[in-house]
Each structure stands twice: as C-alpha cells, then as structure tokens.
Amino acid sequence: QVQLVESGGGLVQPGGSLRLSCAASGSIIFGAYTAGWYRHAPGSQRELVATITGGGSSNYADSVKGRFIISRDNAKNMMYLQMDSLKPEDTAVYYCNVQRLRNSYWGQGTQVTVSS
C-alpha cells in the first residue's frame, strides 16, 4: 500500500507564495514513479498543474508556467511545488499523485486559497 500526504496549503494574498509538500510512504520505489500535482476548484474539473519524472524532467500547465516550480527528492520520498505570484484563480484543492504503469495513487489534498 502507498500513502501520499500533502501539506503546506493555506490562505495567501494575491502575489504571495506557498510551498506544497507531498510525502510518500509504504511499498513504493518513489524514484520509479512519475509524480505530479493536480488541482480541483469548485465548479471546475480537476486539472493537471505539473508533473515530474523520476529523472527530474518536468512539465507544466500553461496557466502556471513561470510561476510554479515542481521538484522532488527521491532519497526522501518527497515532492514539492513552489508557487509564486499566486492569483485568485489558483484557489483550489491541490492533490499529489504518483503513477507508474497501471498504478496510480492520490493524496487527500490540501486547500490553497488566494484572496485579499
């Protein structure tokens, strides 16, 4: 079994920053999995924010390019999302995901609210 736990969400003013963390535990060779952040805002579908391969290649949604940075530490089974220049439209529940072949695991999510 694999567990993913997100942390770091909260309330921030527009233009502010947050750093999300995702801790993986259980029966997983973390570095073998592609990891990613997704978000789900009320009234919208869940959308991809960013992904990162085990080797460190990253991919971003156009809406966050230049503002968010995804990273990982395979030795610590950790993934991060540095979010800068936050906008109200970034408000959502952010989910951590890891996947490899047919296996896909999700965290419980962490709320990010960008508001003045």
N, C-alpha and C. Protein backbone atom coordinates (compact mmCIF):
# COMPACT_ATOMS: atom_id res chain seq x y z
N GLN A 1 0.85 -1.20 0.00
CA GLN A 1 0.00 0.00 0.00
C GLN A 1 0.88 1.24 0.00
N VAL A 2 0.39 2.27 -0.68
CA VAL A 2 1.13 3.52 -0.80
C VAL A 2 0.30 4.65 -0.21
N GLN A 3 0.93 5.48 0.58
CA GLN A 3 0.26 6.63 1.16
C GLN A 3 0.97 7.91 0.70
N LEU A 4 0.16 8.90 0.35
CA LEU A 4 0.66 10.22 -0.02
C LEU A 4 0.00 11.24 0.88
N VAL A 5 0.80 12.10 1.48
CA VAL A 5 0.27 13.12 2.38
C VAL A 5 0.78 14.49 1.94
N GLU A 6 -0.17 15.37 1.60
CA GLU A 6 0.18 16.73 1.21
C GLU A 6 0.18 17.64 2.43
N SER A 7 0.98 18.69 2.36
CA SER A 7 0.98 19.72 3.38
C SER A 7 1.44 21.03 2.76
N GLY A 8 1.21 22.12 3.50
CA GLY A 8 1.69 23.41 3.04
C GLY A 8 0.64 24.34 2.48
N GLY A 9 -0.59 23.87 2.37
CA GLY A 9 -1.63 24.74 1.87
C GLY A 9 -2.01 25.80 2.89
N GLY A 10 -2.85 26.73 2.46
CA GLY A 10 -3.30 27.78 3.37
C GLY A 10 -3.87 28.96 2.63
N LEU A 11 -4.05 30.04 3.36
CA LEU A 11 -4.58 31.29 2.81
C LEU A 11 -3.43 32.25 2.54
N VAL A 12 -3.41 32.81 1.35
CA VAL A 12 -2.34 33.73 0.98
C VAL A 12 -2.94 34.85 0.14
N GLN A 13 -2.34 36.02 0.22
CA GLN A 13 -2.81 37.15 -0.57
C GLN A 13 -2.32 37.03 -2.01
N PRO A 14 -3.04 37.63 -2.94
CA PRO A 14 -2.56 37.65 -4.33
C PRO A 14 -1.14 38.20 -4.41
N GLY A 15 -0.32 37.54 -5.22
CA GLY A 15 1.08 37.90 -5.34
C GLY A 15 1.98 37.18 -4.36
N GLY A 16 1.38 36.48 -3.42
CA GLY A 16 2.15 35.76 -2.42
C GLY A 16 2.66 34.42 -2.89
N SER A 17 3.28 33.70 -1.96
CA SER A 17 3.89 32.40 -2.28
C SER A 17 3.49 31.35 -1.25
N LEU A 18 3.48 30.12 -1.72
CA LEU A 18 3.31 28.95 -0.86
C LEU A 18 4.18 27.83 -1.40
N ARG A 19 4.57 26.94 -0.51
CA ARG A 19 5.31 25.76 -0.93
C ARG A 19 4.56 24.53 -0.44
N LEU A 20 4.08 23.72 -1.36
CA LEU A 20 3.40 22.48 -1.02
C LEU A 20 4.41 21.34 -0.97
N SER A 21 4.15 20.41 -0.08
CA SER A 21 4.98 19.21 0.04
C SER A 21 4.11 17.98 -0.06
N CYS A 22 4.68 16.91 -0.59
CA CYS A 22 3.99 15.62 -0.67
C CYS A 22 4.96 14.56 -0.17
N ALA A 23 4.55 13.85 0.87
CA ALA A 23 5.37 12.79 1.44
C ALA A 23 4.79 11.44 1.05
N ALA A 24 5.62 10.61 0.46
CA ALA A 24 5.20 9.26 0.05
C ALA A 24 5.76 8.23 1.02
N SER A 25 4.93 7.25 1.33
CA SER A 25 5.37 6.17 2.21
C SER A 25 4.69 4.88 1.78
N GLY A 26 5.18 3.77 2.34
CA GLY A 26 4.60 2.47 2.01
C GLY A 26 5.46 1.72 1.01
N SER A 27 4.81 0.84 0.28
CA SER A 27 5.51 -0.04 -0.67
C SER A 27 5.71 0.68 -1.99
N ILE A 28 6.69 1.54 -2.04
CA ILE A 28 6.93 2.33 -3.24
C ILE A 28 8.41 2.61 -3.41
N ILE A 29 8.88 2.42 -4.63
CA ILE A 29 10.21 2.91 -5.01
C ILE A 29 9.95 4.25 -5.66
N PHE A 30 10.00 5.30 -4.87
CA PHE A 30 9.50 6.60 -5.27
C PHE A 30 10.10 7.07 -6.58
N GLY A 31 11.38 6.87 -6.74
CA GLY A 31 12.06 7.34 -7.94
C GLY A 31 11.61 6.68 -9.22
N ALA A 32 10.91 5.57 -9.12
CA ALA A 32 10.44 4.86 -10.30
C ALA A 32 9.12 5.42 -10.81
N TYR A 33 8.51 6.30 -10.06
CA TYR A 33 7.19 6.84 -10.39
C TYR A 33 7.29 8.25 -10.94
N THR A 34 6.44 8.53 -11.93
CA THR A 34 6.21 9.91 -12.31
C THR A 34 5.29 10.52 -11.27
N ALA A 35 5.62 11.70 -10.80
CA ALA A 35 4.84 12.36 -9.76
C ALA A 35 4.26 13.66 -10.30
N GLY A 36 3.16 14.06 -9.72
CA GLY A 36 2.54 15.28 -10.22
C GLY A 36 1.62 15.94 -9.21
N TRP A 37 1.33 17.18 -9.49
CA TRP A 37 0.34 17.95 -8.73
C TRP A 37 -0.85 18.24 -9.64
N TYR A 38 -2.03 18.05 -9.09
CA TYR A 38 -3.27 18.37 -9.76
C TYR A 38 -4.07 19.28 -8.83
N ARG A 39 -5.04 19.98 -9.40
CA ARG A 39 -5.88 20.82 -8.55
C ARG A 39 -7.33 20.74 -9.02
N HIS A 40 -8.21 21.00 -8.06
CA HIS A 40 -9.65 20.93 -8.32
C HIS A 40 -10.30 22.12 -7.65
N ALA A 41 -10.80 23.02 -8.47
CA ALA A 41 -11.51 24.19 -7.98
C ALA A 41 -13.01 23.95 -8.05
N PRO A 42 -13.79 24.56 -7.17
CA PRO A 42 -15.25 24.39 -7.21
C PRO A 42 -15.81 24.77 -8.57
N GLY A 43 -16.66 23.92 -9.10
CA GLY A 43 -17.29 24.20 -10.38
C GLY A 43 -16.43 23.89 -11.58
N SER A 44 -15.25 23.36 -11.34
CA SER A 44 -14.33 23.04 -12.43
C SER A 44 -13.92 21.58 -12.36
N GLN A 45 -13.34 21.10 -13.45
CA GLN A 45 -12.80 19.75 -13.44
C GLN A 45 -11.40 19.77 -12.85
N ARG A 46 -10.99 18.62 -12.35
CA ARG A 46 -9.61 18.51 -11.88
C ARG A 46 -8.67 18.72 -13.04
N GLU A 47 -7.62 19.49 -12.80
CA GLU A 47 -6.68 19.78 -13.87
C GLU A 47 -5.25 19.52 -13.43
N LEU A 48 -4.43 19.18 -14.42
CA LEU A 48 -3.01 18.98 -14.19
C LEU A 48 -2.34 20.33 -13.92
N VAL A 49 -1.49 20.35 -12.91
CA VAL A 49 -0.70 21.55 -12.63
C VAL A 49 0.72 21.35 -13.14
N ALA A 50 1.35 20.26 -12.72
CA ALA A 50 2.72 19.99 -13.13
C ALA A 50 3.05 18.54 -12.85
N THR A 51 3.95 17.98 -13.65
CA THR A 51 4.45 16.63 -13.41
C THR A 51 5.97 16.63 -13.47
N ILE A 52 6.54 15.61 -12.86
CA ILE A 52 8.00 15.46 -12.88
C ILE A 52 8.31 13.97 -12.91
N THR A 53 9.19 13.58 -13.82
CA THR A 53 9.59 12.19 -13.91
C THR A 53 10.59 11.85 -12.82
N GLY A 54 10.87 10.55 -12.68
CA GLY A 54 11.86 10.14 -11.70
C GLY A 54 13.23 10.76 -11.94
N GLY A 55 13.51 11.02 -13.20
CA GLY A 55 14.80 11.62 -13.56
C GLY A 55 14.82 13.13 -13.48
N GLY A 56 13.65 13.74 -13.18
CA GLY A 56 13.62 15.17 -12.97
C GLY A 56 13.10 16.01 -14.12
N SER A 57 12.61 15.40 -15.19
CA SER A 57 12.04 16.17 -16.30
C SER A 57 10.65 16.64 -15.91
N SER A 58 10.39 17.91 -16.10
CA SER A 58 9.13 18.49 -15.63
C SER A 58 8.27 19.02 -16.78
N ASN A 59 6.99 19.14 -16.46
CA ASN A 59 6.01 19.62 -17.43
C ASN A 59 5.00 20.46 -16.65
N TYR A 60 4.56 21.57 -17.24
CA TYR A 60 3.65 22.48 -16.53
C TYR A 60 2.44 22.83 -17.37
N ALA A 61 1.35 23.08 -16.68
CA ALA A 61 0.19 23.68 -17.35
C ALA A 61 0.56 25.11 -17.75
N ASP A 62 0.01 25.55 -18.87
CA ASP A 62 0.32 26.90 -19.34
C ASP A 62 -0.02 27.96 -18.30
N SER A 63 -1.06 27.71 -17.53
CA SER A 63 -1.53 28.71 -16.57
C SER A 63 -0.56 28.95 -15.42
N VAL A 64 0.39 28.03 -15.21
CA VAL A 64 1.31 28.18 -14.08
C VAL A 64 2.77 28.32 -14.51
N LYS A 65 3.03 28.21 -15.81
CA LYS A 65 4.41 28.33 -16.29
C LYS A 65 5.01 29.66 -15.88
N GLY A 66 6.23 29.61 -15.37
CA GLY A 66 6.92 30.83 -14.94
C GLY A 66 6.59 31.25 -13.53
N ARG A 67 5.59 30.62 -12.92
CA ARG A 67 5.21 30.98 -11.55
C ARG A 67 5.40 29.82 -10.57
N PHE A 68 5.20 28.60 -11.04
CA PHE A 68 5.31 27.41 -10.18
C PHE A 68 6.53 26.59 -10.59
N ILE A 69 7.14 25.95 -9.59
CA ILE A 69 8.25 25.04 -9.85
C ILE A 69 8.02 23.74 -9.09
N ILE A 70 8.04 22.63 -9.83
CA ILE A 70 7.89 21.32 -9.23
C ILE A 70 9.28 20.71 -9.03
N SER A 71 9.46 20.01 -7.93
CA SER A 71 10.75 19.37 -7.66
C SER A 71 10.50 18.12 -6.82
N ARG A 72 11.52 17.31 -6.71
CA ARG A 72 11.40 16.08 -5.93
C ARG A 72 12.74 15.71 -5.33
N ASP A 73 12.67 14.96 -4.23
CA ASP A 73 13.86 14.40 -3.59
C ASP A 73 13.60 12.91 -3.45
N ASN A 74 14.12 12.13 -4.35
CA ASN A 74 13.84 10.69 -4.35
C ASN A 74 14.39 10.00 -3.11
N ALA A 75 15.47 10.49 -2.59
CA ALA A 75 16.06 9.87 -1.40
C ALA A 75 15.16 10.04 -0.18
N LYS A 76 14.36 11.10 -0.17
CA LYS A 76 13.48 11.38 0.96
C LYS A 76 12.03 11.03 0.67
N ASN A 77 11.75 10.51 -0.54
CA ASN A 77 10.37 10.21 -0.94
C ASN A 77 9.48 11.44 -0.84
N MET A 78 10.00 12.56 -1.32
CA MET A 78 9.28 13.83 -1.21
C MET A 78 9.14 14.51 -2.56
N MET A 79 8.04 15.23 -2.73
CA MET A 79 7.83 16.07 -3.90
C MET A 79 7.36 17.42 -3.41
N TYR A 80 7.68 18.47 -4.17
CA TYR A 80 7.35 19.81 -3.75
C TYR A 80 6.75 20.60 -4.91
N LEU A 81 6.00 21.64 -4.53
CA LEU A 81 5.52 22.59 -5.53
C LEU A 81 5.70 23.99 -4.96
N GLN A 82 6.65 24.72 -5.49
CA GLN A 82 6.86 26.10 -5.10
C GLN A 82 5.95 26.97 -5.96
N MET A 83 5.07 27.70 -5.31
CA MET A 83 4.09 28.52 -6.02
C MET A 83 4.34 29.99 -5.69
N ASP A 84 4.69 30.76 -6.69
CA ASP A 84 4.94 32.19 -6.54
C ASP A 84 3.93 32.99 -7.37
N SER A 85 3.86 34.27 -7.08
CA SER A 85 2.95 35.16 -7.82
C SER A 85 1.55 34.57 -7.90
N LEU A 86 1.05 34.12 -6.78
CA LEU A 86 -0.24 33.44 -6.75
C LEU A 86 -1.37 34.39 -7.12
N LYS A 87 -2.36 33.83 -7.80
CA LYS A 87 -3.52 34.57 -8.27
C LYS A 87 -4.79 33.97 -7.66
N PRO A 88 -5.85 34.74 -7.56
CA PRO A 88 -7.10 34.18 -7.03
C PRO A 88 -7.55 32.93 -7.79
N GLU A 89 -7.28 32.87 -9.09
CA GLU A 89 -7.70 31.70 -9.86
C GLU A 89 -6.86 30.46 -9.57
N ASP A 90 -5.84 30.59 -8.75
CA ASP A 90 -5.09 29.42 -8.30
C ASP A 90 -5.77 28.74 -7.11
N THR A 91 -6.81 29.34 -6.59
CA THR A 91 -7.55 28.77 -5.46
C THR A 91 -8.13 27.42 -5.84
N ALA A 92 -7.81 26.40 -5.06
CA ALA A 92 -8.26 25.04 -5.35
C ALA A 92 -7.75 24.10 -4.26
N VAL A 93 -8.24 22.88 -4.31
CA VAL A 93 -7.62 21.82 -3.53
C VAL A 93 -6.55 21.19 -4.41
N TYR A 94 -5.34 21.11 -3.88
CA TYR A 94 -4.21 20.58 -4.62
C TYR A 94 -3.92 19.14 -4.17
N TYR A 95 -3.78 18.27 -5.15
CA TYR A 95 -3.58 16.85 -4.90
C TYR A 95 -2.23 16.39 -5.44
N CYS A 96 -1.61 15.54 -4.67
CA CYS A 96 -0.37 14.88 -5.06
C CYS A 96 -0.73 13.55 -5.72
N ASN A 97 -0.03 13.19 -6.77
CA ASN A 97 -0.26 11.93 -7.47
C ASN A 97 1.07 11.31 -7.87
N VAL A 98 1.14 10.00 -7.78
CA VAL A 98 2.27 9.26 -8.34
C VAL A 98 1.70 8.14 -9.21
N GLN A 99 2.37 7.87 -10.31
CA GLN A 99 1.87 6.83 -11.19
C GLN A 99 3.01 6.14 -11.93
N ARG A 100 2.79 4.85 -12.16
CA ARG A 100 3.73 4.05 -12.92
C ARG A 100 2.97 2.87 -13.48
N LEU A 101 3.03 2.71 -14.78
CA LEU A 101 2.29 1.66 -15.48
C LEU A 101 0.81 1.78 -15.09
N ARG A 102 0.23 0.74 -14.51
CA ARG A 102 -1.20 0.76 -14.19
C ARG A 102 -1.47 1.28 -12.78
N ASN A 103 -0.44 1.59 -12.05
CA ASN A 103 -0.63 2.02 -10.66
C ASN A 103 -0.67 3.54 -10.56
N SER A 104 -1.67 4.03 -9.85
CA SER A 104 -1.81 5.46 -9.63
C SER A 104 -2.33 5.68 -8.22
N TYR A 105 -1.67 6.57 -7.50
CA TYR A 105 -2.05 6.83 -6.11
C TYR A 105 -2.24 8.33 -5.90
N TRP A 106 -3.18 8.66 -5.00
CA TRP A 106 -3.53 10.05 -4.74
C TRP A 106 -3.46 10.36 -3.25
N GLY A 107 -3.11 11.59 -2.95
CA GLY A 107 -3.19 12.07 -1.59
C GLY A 107 -4.59 12.58 -1.30
N GLN A 108 -4.77 13.10 -0.09
CA GLN A 108 -6.10 13.55 0.34
C GLN A 108 -6.37 15.00 -0.05
N GLY A 109 -5.33 15.70 -0.45
CA GLY A 109 -5.46 17.08 -0.91
C GLY A 109 -5.19 18.09 0.18
N THR A 110 -4.77 19.27 -0.26
CA THR A 110 -4.55 20.39 0.65
C THR A 110 -5.14 21.65 0.01
N GLN A 111 -5.85 22.43 0.80
CA GLN A 111 -6.55 23.60 0.28
C GLN A 111 -5.60 24.78 0.13
N VAL A 112 -5.64 25.41 -1.02
CA VAL A 112 -4.92 26.66 -1.27
C VAL A 112 -5.96 27.72 -1.61
N THR A 113 -5.95 28.79 -0.85
CA THR A 113 -6.89 29.89 -1.08
C THR A 113 -6.10 31.18 -1.27
N VAL A 114 -6.31 31.82 -2.41
CA VAL A 114 -5.62 33.07 -2.72
C VAL A 114 -6.68 34.17 -2.71
N SER A 115 -6.59 35.02 -1.70
CA SER A 115 -7.61 36.05 -1.53
C SER A 115 -7.06 37.19 -0.69
N SER A 116 -7.55 38.38 -0.97
CA SER A 116 -7.17 39.53 -0.16
C SER A 116 -8.19 39.78 0.94
